[in-house]
């Protein structure tokens, strides 16, 4: 039996003057979230520093458990 345990989102932002992407993770993501909602969330996070950062990507990580 397949059971969804948990999910998290990682926002990846490019920040002016920095080579590496800045990453921020958020846990306890609801099941069946749409792509549009995930991207809108990432854009909202990027707006905290709109002059220096922009959304590069979102990573959704979902953990499942399989039992006999």
PDB file of N, CA and C in Angstrom:
ATOM      1  N   UNK A   1       0.843  -1.176   0.000  1.00  0.00           N
ATOM      2  CA  UNK A   1       0.000   0.000   0.000  1.00  0.00           C
ATOM      3  C   UNK A   1       0.894   1.246   0.000  1.00  0.00           C
ATOM      4  N   UNK A   2       0.585   2.161  -0.865  1.00  0.00           N
ATOM      5  CA  UNK A   2       1.360   3.390  -0.992  1.00  0.00           C
ATOM      6  C   UNK A   2       0.697   4.489  -0.164  1.00  0.00           C
ATOM      7  N   UNK A   3       1.483   5.116   0.730  1.00  0.00           N
ATOM      8  CA  UNK A   3       0.981   6.182   1.586  1.00  0.00           C
ATOM      9  C   UNK A   3       1.885   7.402   1.464  1.00  0.00           C
ATOM     10  N   UNK A   4       1.271   8.540   1.264  1.00  0.00           N
ATOM     11  CA  UNK A   4       2.026   9.800   1.190  1.00  0.00           C
ATOM     12  C   UNK A   4       2.351  10.242   2.615  1.00  0.00           C
ATOM     13  N   UNK A   5       3.641  10.373   2.923  1.00  0.00           N
ATOM     14  CA  UNK A   5       4.052  10.779   4.266  1.00  0.00           C
ATOM     15  C   UNK A   5       4.109  12.287   4.422  1.00  0.00           C
ATOM     16  N   UNK A   6       4.898  12.930   3.582  1.00  0.00           N
ATOM     17  CA  UNK A   6       5.064  14.376   3.701  1.00  0.00           C
ATOM     18  C   UNK A   6       5.575  14.943   2.386  1.00  0.00           C
ATOM     19  N   UNK A   7       5.532  16.262   2.285  1.00  0.00           N
ATOM     20  CA  UNK A   7       6.056  16.933   1.095  1.00  0.00           C
ATOM     21  C   UNK A   7       6.674  18.254   1.523  1.00  0.00           C
ATOM     22  N   UNK A   8       7.628  18.721   0.727  1.00  0.00           N
ATOM     23  CA  UNK A   8       8.221  20.031   0.984  1.00  0.00           C
ATOM     24  C   UNK A   8       8.471  20.725  -0.351  1.00  0.00           C
ATOM     25  N   UNK A   9       8.535  22.031  -0.289  1.00  0.00           N
ATOM     26  CA  UNK A   9       8.872  22.852  -1.444  1.00  0.00           C
ATOM     27  C   UNK A   9      10.184  23.552  -1.172  1.00  0.00           C
ATOM     28  N   UNK A  10      11.029  23.622  -2.176  1.00  0.00           N
ATOM     29  CA  UNK A  10      12.268  24.387  -2.092  1.00  0.00           C
ATOM     30  C   UNK A  10      12.206  25.475  -3.155  1.00  0.00           C
ATOM     31  N   UNK A  11      12.310  26.715  -2.695  1.00  0.00           N
ATOM     32  CA  UNK A  11      12.329  27.867  -3.588  1.00  0.00           C
ATOM     33  C   UNK A  11      13.792  28.156  -3.915  1.00  0.00           C
ATOM     34  N   UNK A  12      14.109  28.288  -5.197  1.00  0.00           N
ATOM     35  CA  UNK A  12      15.467  28.633  -5.614  1.00  0.00           C
ATOM     36  C   UNK A  12      15.440  30.012  -6.261  1.00  0.00           C
ATOM     37  N   UNK A  13      16.164  30.942  -5.647  1.00  0.00           N
ATOM     38  CA  UNK A  13      16.203  32.329  -6.112  1.00  0.00           C
ATOM     39  C   UNK A  13      17.599  32.681  -6.586  1.00  0.00           C
ATOM     40  N   UNK A  14      17.660  33.440  -7.660  1.00  0.00           N
ATOM     41  CA  UNK A  14      18.954  34.015  -8.043  1.00  0.00           C
ATOM     42  C   UNK A  14      18.990  35.412  -7.442  1.00  0.00           C
ATOM     43  N   UNK A  15      20.096  35.703  -6.773  1.00  0.00           N
ATOM     44  CA  UNK A  15      20.269  36.983  -6.080  1.00  0.00           C
ATOM     45  C   UNK A  15      21.400  37.733  -6.760  1.00  0.00           C
ATOM     46  N   UNK A  16      21.156  38.992  -7.063  1.00  0.00           N
ATOM     47  CA  UNK A  16      22.177  39.810  -7.713  1.00  0.00           C
ATOM     48  C   UNK A  16      23.464  39.811  -6.903  1.00  0.00           C
ATOM     49  N   UNK A  17      24.584  39.584  -7.577  1.00  0.00           N
ATOM     50  CA  UNK A  17      25.888  39.611  -6.932  1.00  0.00           C
ATOM     51  C   UNK A  17      26.319  38.299  -6.315  1.00  0.00           C
ATOM     52  N   UNK A  18      25.481  37.265  -6.374  1.00  0.00           N
ATOM     53  CA  UNK A  18      25.829  35.959  -5.804  1.00  0.00           C
ATOM     54  C   UNK A  18      25.841  34.908  -6.902  1.00  0.00           C
ATOM     55  N   UNK A  19      26.860  34.038  -6.884  1.00  0.00           N
ATOM     56  CA  UNK A  19      26.959  32.977  -7.891  1.00  0.00           C
ATOM     57  C   UNK A  19      25.965  31.844  -7.632  1.00  0.00           C
ATOM     58  N   UNK A  20      25.878  31.416  -6.380  1.00  0.00           N
ATOM     59  CA  UNK A  20      25.013  30.292  -6.041  1.00  0.00           C
ATOM     60  C   UNK A  20      23.575  30.759  -5.874  1.00  0.00           C
ATOM     61  N   UNK A  21      22.657  29.836  -6.180  1.00  0.00           N
ATOM     62  CA  UNK A  21      21.247  30.117  -5.946  1.00  0.00           C
ATOM     63  C   UNK A  21      20.969  30.100  -4.449  1.00  0.00           C
ATOM     64  N   UNK A  22      20.105  30.978  -4.018  1.00  0.00           N
ATOM     65  CA  UNK A  22      19.660  30.982  -2.631  1.00  0.00           C
ATOM     66  C   UNK A  22      18.472  30.036  -2.535  1.00  0.00           C
ATOM     67  N   UNK A  23      18.477  29.153  -1.536  1.00  0.00           N
ATOM     68  CA  UNK A  23      17.425  28.150  -1.389  1.00  0.00           C
ATOM     69  C   UNK A  23      16.709  28.335  -0.064  1.00  0.00           C
ATOM     70  N   UNK A  24      15.400  28.160  -0.095  1.00  0.00           N
ATOM     71  CA  UNK A  24      14.585  28.203   1.113  1.00  0.00           C
ATOM     72  C   UNK A  24      13.560  27.095   1.014  1.00  0.00           C
ATOM     73  N   UNK A  25      13.471  26.253   2.050  1.00  0.00           N
ATOM     74  CA  UNK A  25      12.545  25.116   2.042  1.00  0.00           C
ATOM     75  C   UNK A  25      11.357  25.356   2.958  1.00  0.00           C
ATOM     76  N   UNK A  26      10.227  24.798   2.573  1.00  0.00           N
ATOM     77  CA  UNK A  26       8.988  24.886   3.337  1.00  0.00           C
ATOM     78  C   UNK A  26       8.392  23.495   3.441  1.00  0.00           C
ATOM     79  N   UNK A  27       8.103  23.066   4.661  1.00  0.00           N
ATOM     80  CA  UNK A  27       7.574  21.716   4.921  1.00  0.00           C
ATOM     81  C   UNK A  27       6.052  21.723   4.991  1.00  0.00           C
ATOM     82  N   UNK A  28       5.517  20.532   5.106  1.00  0.00           N
ATOM     83  CA  UNK A  28       4.083  20.299   5.321  1.00  0.00           C
ATOM     84  C   UNK A  28       3.228  20.858   4.192  1.00  0.00           C
ATOM     85  N   UNK A  29       3.596  20.535   2.963  1.00  0.00           N
ATOM     86  CA  UNK A  29       2.843  20.967   1.792  1.00  0.00           C
ATOM     87  C   UNK A  29       1.638  20.048   1.617  1.00  0.00           C
ATOM     88  N   UNK A  30       0.490  20.637   1.324  1.00  0.00           N
ATOM     89  CA  UNK A  30      -0.729  19.861   1.128  1.00  0.00           C
ATOM     90  C   UNK A  30      -0.614  18.981  -0.120  1.00  0.00           C
ATOM     91  N   UNK A  31      -1.381  17.929  -0.132  1.00  0.00           N
ATOM     92  CA  UNK A  31      -1.417  17.036  -1.295  1.00  0.00           C
ATOM     93  C   UNK A  31      -2.173  17.703  -2.444  1.00  0.00           C
ATOM     94  N   UNK A  32      -1.838  17.295  -3.658  1.00  0.00           N
ATOM     95  CA  UNK A  32      -2.539  17.742  -4.866  1.00  0.00           C
ATOM     96  C   UNK A  32      -2.505  19.248  -5.089  1.00  0.00           C
ATOM     97  N   UNK A  33      -1.389  19.870  -4.809  1.00  0.00           N
ATOM     98  CA  UNK A  33      -1.226  21.296  -5.090  1.00  0.00           C
ATOM     99  C   UNK A  33      -0.893  21.451  -6.574  1.00  0.00           C
ATOM    100  N   UNK A  34      -1.496  22.428  -7.223  1.00  0.00           N
ATOM    101  CA  UNK A  34      -1.283  22.602  -8.664  1.00  0.00           C
ATOM    102  C   UNK A  34       0.050  23.292  -8.945  1.00  0.00           C
ATOM    103  N   UNK A  35       0.521  23.104 -10.160  1.00  0.00           N
ATOM    104  CA  UNK A  35       1.762  23.745 -10.607  1.00  0.00           C
ATOM    105  C   UNK A  35       1.647  25.265 -10.525  1.00  0.00           C
ATOM    106  N   UNK A  36       0.511  25.794 -10.897  1.00  0.00           N
ATOM    107  CA  UNK A  36       0.297  27.238 -10.858  1.00  0.00           C
ATOM    108  C   UNK A  36       0.401  27.780  -9.431  1.00  0.00           C
ATOM    109  N   UNK A  37      -0.141  27.045  -8.477  1.00  0.00           N
ATOM    110  CA  UNK A  37      -0.087  27.465  -7.073  1.00  0.00           C
ATOM    111  C   UNK A  37       1.344  27.435  -6.559  1.00  0.00           C
ATOM    112  N   UNK A  38       2.085  26.404  -6.916  1.00  0.00           N
ATOM    113  CA  UNK A  38       3.479  26.294  -6.482  1.00  0.00           C
ATOM    114  C   UNK A  38       4.308  27.443  -7.040  1.00  0.00           C
ATOM    115  N   UNK A  39       4.142  27.742  -8.322  1.00  0.00           N
ATOM    116  CA  UNK A  39       4.903  28.837  -8.924  1.00  0.00           C
ATOM    117  C   UNK A  39       4.490  30.196  -8.365  1.00  0.00           C
ATOM    118  N   UNK A  40       3.206  30.384  -8.094  1.00  0.00           N
ATOM    119  CA  UNK A  40       2.737  31.634  -7.486  1.00  0.00           C
ATOM    120  C   UNK A  40       3.342  31.815  -6.098  1.00  0.00           C
ATOM    121  N   UNK A  41       3.462  30.727  -5.347  1.00  0.00           N
ATOM    122  CA  UNK A  41       4.090  30.794  -4.029  1.00  0.00           C
ATOM    123  C   UNK A  41       5.552  31.223  -4.159  1.00  0.00           C
ATOM    124  N   UNK A  42       6.256  30.647  -5.117  1.00  0.00           N
ATOM    125  CA  UNK A  42       7.651  31.023  -5.339  1.00  0.00           C
ATOM    126  C   UNK A  42       7.797  32.484  -5.721  1.00  0.00           C
ATOM    127  N   UNK A  43       6.903  32.971  -6.572  1.00  0.00           N
ATOM    128  CA  UNK A  43       6.929  34.391  -6.957  1.00  0.00           C
ATOM    129  C   UNK A  43       6.661  35.279  -5.747  1.00  0.00           C
ATOM    130  N   UNK A  44       5.768  34.858  -4.874  1.00  0.00           N
ATOM    131  CA  UNK A  44       5.475  35.625  -3.662  1.00  0.00           C
ATOM    132  C   UNK A  44       6.707  35.716  -2.762  1.00  0.00           C
ATOM    133  N   UNK A  45       7.438  34.624  -2.625  1.00  0.00           N
ATOM    134  CA  UNK A  45       8.660  34.634  -1.818  1.00  0.00           C
ATOM    135  C   UNK A  45       9.695  35.564  -2.451  1.00  0.00           C
ATOM    136  N   UNK A  46       9.822  35.536  -3.767  1.00  0.00           N
ATOM    137  CA  UNK A  46      10.792  36.392  -4.457  1.00  0.00           C
ATOM    138  C   UNK A  46      10.461  37.873  -4.264  1.00  0.00           C
ATOM    139  N   UNK A  47       9.196  38.204  -4.068  1.00  0.00           N
ATOM    140  CA  UNK A  47       8.788  39.609  -3.895  1.00  0.00           C
ATOM    141  C   UNK A  47       9.232  40.208  -2.568  1.00  0.00           C
ATOM    142  N   UNK A  48       9.737  39.398  -1.644  1.00  0.00           N
ATOM    143  CA  UNK A  48      10.252  39.965  -0.398  1.00  0.00           C
ATOM    144  C   UNK A  48      11.474  40.848  -0.666  1.00  0.00           C
ATOM    145  N   UNK A  49      12.188  40.575  -1.743  1.00  0.00           N
ATOM    146  CA  UNK A  49      13.347  41.382  -2.143  1.00  0.00           C
ATOM    147  C   UNK A  49      13.302  41.576  -3.663  1.00  0.00           C
ATOM    148  N   UNK A  50      12.299  42.307  -4.162  1.00  0.00           N
ATOM    149  CA  UNK A  50      12.060  42.364  -5.602  1.00  0.00           C
ATOM    150  C   UNK A  50      13.160  43.036  -6.416  1.00  0.00           C
ATOM    151  N   UNK A  51      13.959  43.883  -5.801  1.00  0.00           N
ATOM    152  CA  UNK A  51      15.001  44.590  -6.536  1.00  0.00           C
ATOM    153  C   UNK A  51      16.244  43.740  -6.757  1.00  0.00           C
ATOM    154  N   UNK A  52      16.460  42.738  -5.903  1.00  0.00           N
ATOM    155  CA  UNK A  52      17.698  41.971  -5.954  1.00  0.00           C
ATOM    156  C   UNK A  52      17.543  40.490  -6.254  1.00  0.00           C
ATOM    157  N   UNK A  53      16.325  39.954  -6.234  1.00  0.00           N
ATOM    158  CA  UNK A  53      16.181  38.512  -6.432  1.00  0.00           C
ATOM    159  C   UNK A  53      15.049  38.206  -7.399  1.00  0.00           C
ATOM    160  N   UNK A  54      15.158  37.022  -8.022  1.00  0.00           N
ATOM    161  CA  UNK A  54      14.094  36.552  -8.916  1.00  0.00           C
ATOM    162  C   UNK A  54      14.004  35.025  -8.799  1.00  0.00           C
ATOM    163  N   UNK A  55      12.816  34.528  -9.009  1.00  0.00           N
ATOM    164  CA  UNK A  55      12.566  33.094  -8.907  1.00  0.00           C
ATOM    165  C   UNK A  55      13.225  32.369 -10.071  1.00  0.00           C
ATOM    166  N   UNK A  56      14.024  31.364  -9.756  1.00  0.00           N
ATOM    167  CA  UNK A  56      14.633  30.516 -10.789  1.00  0.00           C
ATOM    168  C   UNK A  56      13.850  29.226 -10.955  1.00  0.00           C
ATOM    169  N   UNK A  57      13.522  28.575  -9.829  1.00  0.00           N
ATOM    170  CA  UNK A  57      12.770  27.319  -9.916  1.00  0.00           C
ATOM    171  C   UNK A  57      12.180  26.951  -8.565  1.00  0.00           C
ATOM    172  N   UNK A  58      11.283  25.982  -8.623  1.00  0.00           N
ATOM    173  CA  UNK A  58      10.678  25.396  -7.432  1.00  0.00           C
ATOM    174  C   UNK A  58      10.922  23.899  -7.489  1.00  0.00           C
ATOM    175  N   UNK A  59      11.246  23.297  -6.355  1.00  0.00           N
ATOM    176  CA  UNK A  59      11.439  21.855  -6.270  1.00  0.00           C
ATOM    177  C   UNK A  59      10.412  21.313  -5.277  1.00  0.00           C
ATOM    178  N   UNK A  60       9.629  20.347  -5.730  1.00  0.00           N
ATOM    179  CA  UNK A  60       8.677  19.685  -4.847  1.00  0.00           C
ATOM    180  C   UNK A  60       9.219  18.293  -4.532  1.00  0.00           C
ATOM    181  N   UNK A  61       9.386  18.005  -3.260  1.00  0.00           N
ATOM    182  CA  UNK A  61       9.879  16.702  -2.820  1.00  0.00           C
ATOM    183  C   UNK A  61       8.767  16.022  -2.020  1.00  0.00           C
ATOM    184  N   UNK A  62       8.358  14.854  -2.490  1.00  0.00           N
ATOM    185  CA  UNK A  62       7.274  14.124  -1.835  1.00  0.00           C
ATOM    186  C   UNK A  62       7.810  12.769  -1.378  1.00  0.00           C
ATOM    187  N   UNK A  63       7.550  12.441  -0.113  1.00  0.00           N
ATOM    188  CA  UNK A  63       7.966  11.159   0.457  1.00  0.00           C
ATOM    189  C   UNK A  63       6.759  10.237   0.518  1.00  0.00           C
ATOM    190  N   UNK A  64       6.947   9.035  -0.014  1.00  0.00           N
ATOM    191  CA  UNK A  64       5.922   8.003   0.046  1.00  0.00           C
ATOM    192  C   UNK A  64       6.468   6.806   0.817  1.00  0.00           C
ATOM    193  N   UNK A  65       5.563   6.099   1.453  1.00  0.00           N
ATOM    194  CA  UNK A  65       5.907   4.864   2.137  1.00  0.00           C
ATOM    195  C   UNK A  65       5.133   3.742   1.495  1.00  0.00           C
ATOM    196  N   UNK A  66       5.806   2.636   1.258  1.00  0.00           N
ATOM    197  CA  UNK A  66       5.181   1.461   0.658  1.00  0.00           C
ATOM    198  C   UNK A  66       5.165   0.339   1.694  1.00  0.00           C
ATOM    199  N   UNK A  67       3.991  -0.204   1.954  1.00  0.00           N
ATOM    200  CA  UNK A  67       3.861  -1.309   2.908  1.00  0.00           C
ATOM    201  C   UNK A  67       3.214  -2.497   2.246  1.00  0.00           C
ATOM    202  N   UNK A  68       3.544  -3.656   2.784  1.00  0.00           N
ATOM    203  CA  UNK A  68       2.911  -4.897   2.299  1.00  0.00           C
ATOM    204  C   UNK A  68       1.479  -4.959   2.744  1.00  0.00           C
TER     205      UNK A  68
END
